[in-house]
Amino acid sequence: MFKTTKIDSTPTIPNATLTTTGTTCMIVKGTVLDGKFTSSEDVQINGTIKGEVHCKKRLLMGPTGWIEGTIHTHSAIIKGHIKGTIIVQGVLHLHSTAKIEGTILAASLQVEEGAQYNGDCKIGERFVKEEKPLMAVA
């Protein structure tokens, strides 16, 4: 009477594989988020985010992905469009379809032929070290 169908929910971007076993969040094409977005896991973006993005692990952006705002992430593979600032604690990989308008701060950068970026670009660990909050002395 009832038929069970297994659905493969593993998100994919060609030439990019997830190496973590945690839950992955997907923002699909046609979805628009406005505001602050935070994830402690890998995030795949094929839709639009306007605002601030915080990703503790890896941000994977497909060719239809669009972010307008500030991004903080551990590592990123970008195939879409970013207008704003991207801060990457590890490796930022710009594929040939990537387009960034704004500021790039990353510990390491890999750029494929055809990728575009217009703005400031600072590469090296010293540019992405997280500042520790000042502690009040009693």
Protein backbone atom coordinates (compact mmCIF):
# COMPACT_ATOMS: atom_id res chain seq x y z
CA MET A 1 0.00 0.00 0.00
CA PHE A 2 2.71 2.49 1.01
CA LYS A 3 5.94 2.76 -0.89
CA THR A 4 9.14 3.91 0.82
CA THR A 5 11.50 6.01 -1.25
CA LYS A 6 14.96 6.95 -0.09
CA ILE A 7 15.76 10.60 -0.76
CA ASP A 8 19.41 11.65 -1.01
CA SER A 9 19.53 14.97 0.79
CA THR A 10 23.27 15.49 0.40
CA PRO A 11 23.73 18.96 -1.14
CA THR A 12 26.13 19.25 -4.01
CA ILE A 13 27.92 21.91 -5.94
CA PRO A 14 29.93 20.48 -8.84
CA ASN A 15 33.62 20.08 -7.93
CA ALA A 16 32.89 20.73 -4.22
CA THR A 17 32.35 18.05 -1.63
CA LEU A 18 31.49 18.34 2.02
CA THR A 19 34.03 16.81 4.35
CA THR A 20 32.08 17.26 7.57
CA THR A 21 29.46 14.83 8.76
CA GLY A 22 27.24 17.42 10.46
CA THR A 23 23.95 18.80 9.29
CA THR A 24 24.11 21.06 6.26
CA CYS A 25 21.80 24.02 5.72
CA MET A 26 20.59 24.85 2.22
CA ILE A 27 19.19 28.14 0.94
CA VAL A 28 17.61 27.08 -2.35
CA LYS A 29 17.20 29.12 -5.52
CA GLY A 30 14.15 31.37 -5.23
CA THR A 31 14.54 31.83 -1.46
CA VAL A 32 15.26 35.36 -0.15
CA LEU A 33 16.41 35.96 3.42
CA ASP A 34 16.62 39.49 4.78
CA GLY A 35 18.52 40.09 8.04
CA LYS A 36 21.10 38.19 10.07
CA PHE A 37 21.73 34.53 9.20
CA THR A 38 23.83 32.30 11.49
CA SER A 39 24.80 28.62 11.17
CA SER A 40 27.15 26.42 13.17
CA GLU A 41 27.29 23.92 10.28
CA ASP A 42 28.13 23.96 6.57
CA VAL A 43 25.86 26.18 4.48
CA GLN A 44 25.00 25.91 0.80
CA ILE A 45 23.53 29.03 -0.77
CA ASN A 46 21.76 29.01 -4.12
CA GLY A 47 19.25 31.71 -3.16
CA THR A 48 19.59 35.31 -1.95
CA ILE A 49 20.64 36.70 1.42
CA LYS A 50 20.55 40.41 2.19
CA GLY A 51 22.24 41.15 5.48
CA GLU A 52 24.84 39.47 7.65
CA VAL A 53 25.96 35.83 7.30
CA HIS A 54 27.89 33.95 10.02
CA CYS A 55 28.95 30.40 9.17
CA LYS A 56 31.19 28.52 11.63
CA LYS A 57 32.21 25.91 9.05
CA ARG A 58 32.14 26.05 5.23
CA LEU A 59 30.05 28.30 3.02
CA LEU A 60 29.30 26.83 -0.41
CA MET A 61 27.76 29.26 -2.87
CA GLY A 62 26.35 27.99 -6.15
CA PRO A 63 26.22 30.03 -9.37
CA THR A 64 22.69 31.28 -8.56
CA GLY A 65 23.71 32.37 -5.04
CA TRP A 66 23.66 36.07 -4.18
CA ILE A 67 24.71 37.71 -0.91
CA GLU A 68 24.50 41.43 -0.28
CA GLY A 69 26.10 42.23 3.06
CA THR A 70 28.87 40.95 5.31
CA ILE A 71 29.98 37.33 5.48
CA HIS A 72 32.05 35.72 8.26
CA THR A 73 33.01 32.08 7.68
CA HIS A 74 35.74 29.53 8.32
CA SER A 75 36.16 28.58 4.64
CA ALA A 76 34.28 29.31 1.42
CA ILE A 77 33.80 28.04 -2.10
CA ILE A 78 32.16 30.77 -4.17
CA LYS A 79 30.52 30.37 -7.57
CA GLY A 80 27.91 33.12 -7.17
CA HIS A 81 27.78 36.88 -6.54
CA ILE A 82 28.74 38.76 -3.38
CA LYS A 83 28.26 42.49 -2.89
CA GLY A 84 29.82 43.53 0.40
CA THR A 85 32.55 42.10 2.62
CA ILE A 86 33.68 38.51 2.96
CA ILE A 87 35.93 37.51 5.87
CA VAL A 88 37.32 33.97 5.69
CA GLN A 89 39.43 32.47 8.50
CA GLY A 90 40.84 29.79 6.18
CA VAL A 91 40.73 29.27 2.40
CA LEU A 92 38.52 31.32 0.07
CA HIS A 93 38.13 29.59 -3.32
CA LEU A 94 36.70 31.72 -6.13
CA HIS A 95 35.47 29.60 -9.04
CA SER A 96 35.37 30.94 -12.58
CA THR A 97 31.75 32.12 -12.19
CA ALA A 98 32.38 34.01 -8.92
CA LYS A 99 31.86 37.76 -8.79
CA ILE A 100 32.73 39.81 -5.71
CA GLU A 101 32.14 43.55 -5.39
CA GLY A 102 33.58 44.79 -2.13
CA THR A 103 36.19 43.71 0.37
CA ILE A 104 37.93 40.35 0.66
CA LEU A 105 39.78 39.44 3.86
CA ALA A 106 41.06 35.85 3.88
CA ALA A 107 43.89 33.80 5.30
CA SER A 108 44.36 32.12 1.90
CA LEU A 109 42.90 32.72 -1.57
CA GLN A 110 42.51 30.46 -4.61
CA VAL A 111 41.22 32.10 -7.79
CA GLU A 112 40.19 30.30 -10.98
CA GLU A 113 40.53 32.00 -14.34
CA GLY A 114 37.38 34.01 -15.06
CA ALA A 115 36.56 34.87 -11.44
CA GLN A 116 35.94 38.57 -10.89
CA TYR A 117 36.48 40.78 -7.88
CA ASN A 118 36.42 44.53 -7.62
CA GLY A 119 37.47 46.19 -4.38
CA ASP A 120 39.96 45.72 -1.57
CA CYS A 121 41.64 42.35 -1.16
CA LYS A 122 43.86 41.52 1.83
CA ILE A 123 45.25 38.01 2.16
CA GLY A 124 47.04 36.61 5.19
CA GLU A 125 46.18 35.35 8.65
CA ARG A 126 46.88 38.72 10.25
CA PHE A 127 43.91 40.25 8.41
CA VAL A 128 41.37 37.71 9.69
CA LYS A 129 42.37 37.10 13.29
CA GLU A 130 39.34 37.45 15.49
CA GLU A 131 39.69 40.18 18.07
CA LYS A 132 39.15 39.02 21.63
CA PRO A 133 36.79 41.16 23.72
CA LEU A 134 38.39 43.33 26.36
CA MET A 135 37.86 42.05 29.89
CA ALA A 136 36.84 44.50 32.57
CA VAL A 137 39.19 44.72 35.51
CA ALA A 138 37.42 45.03 38.88
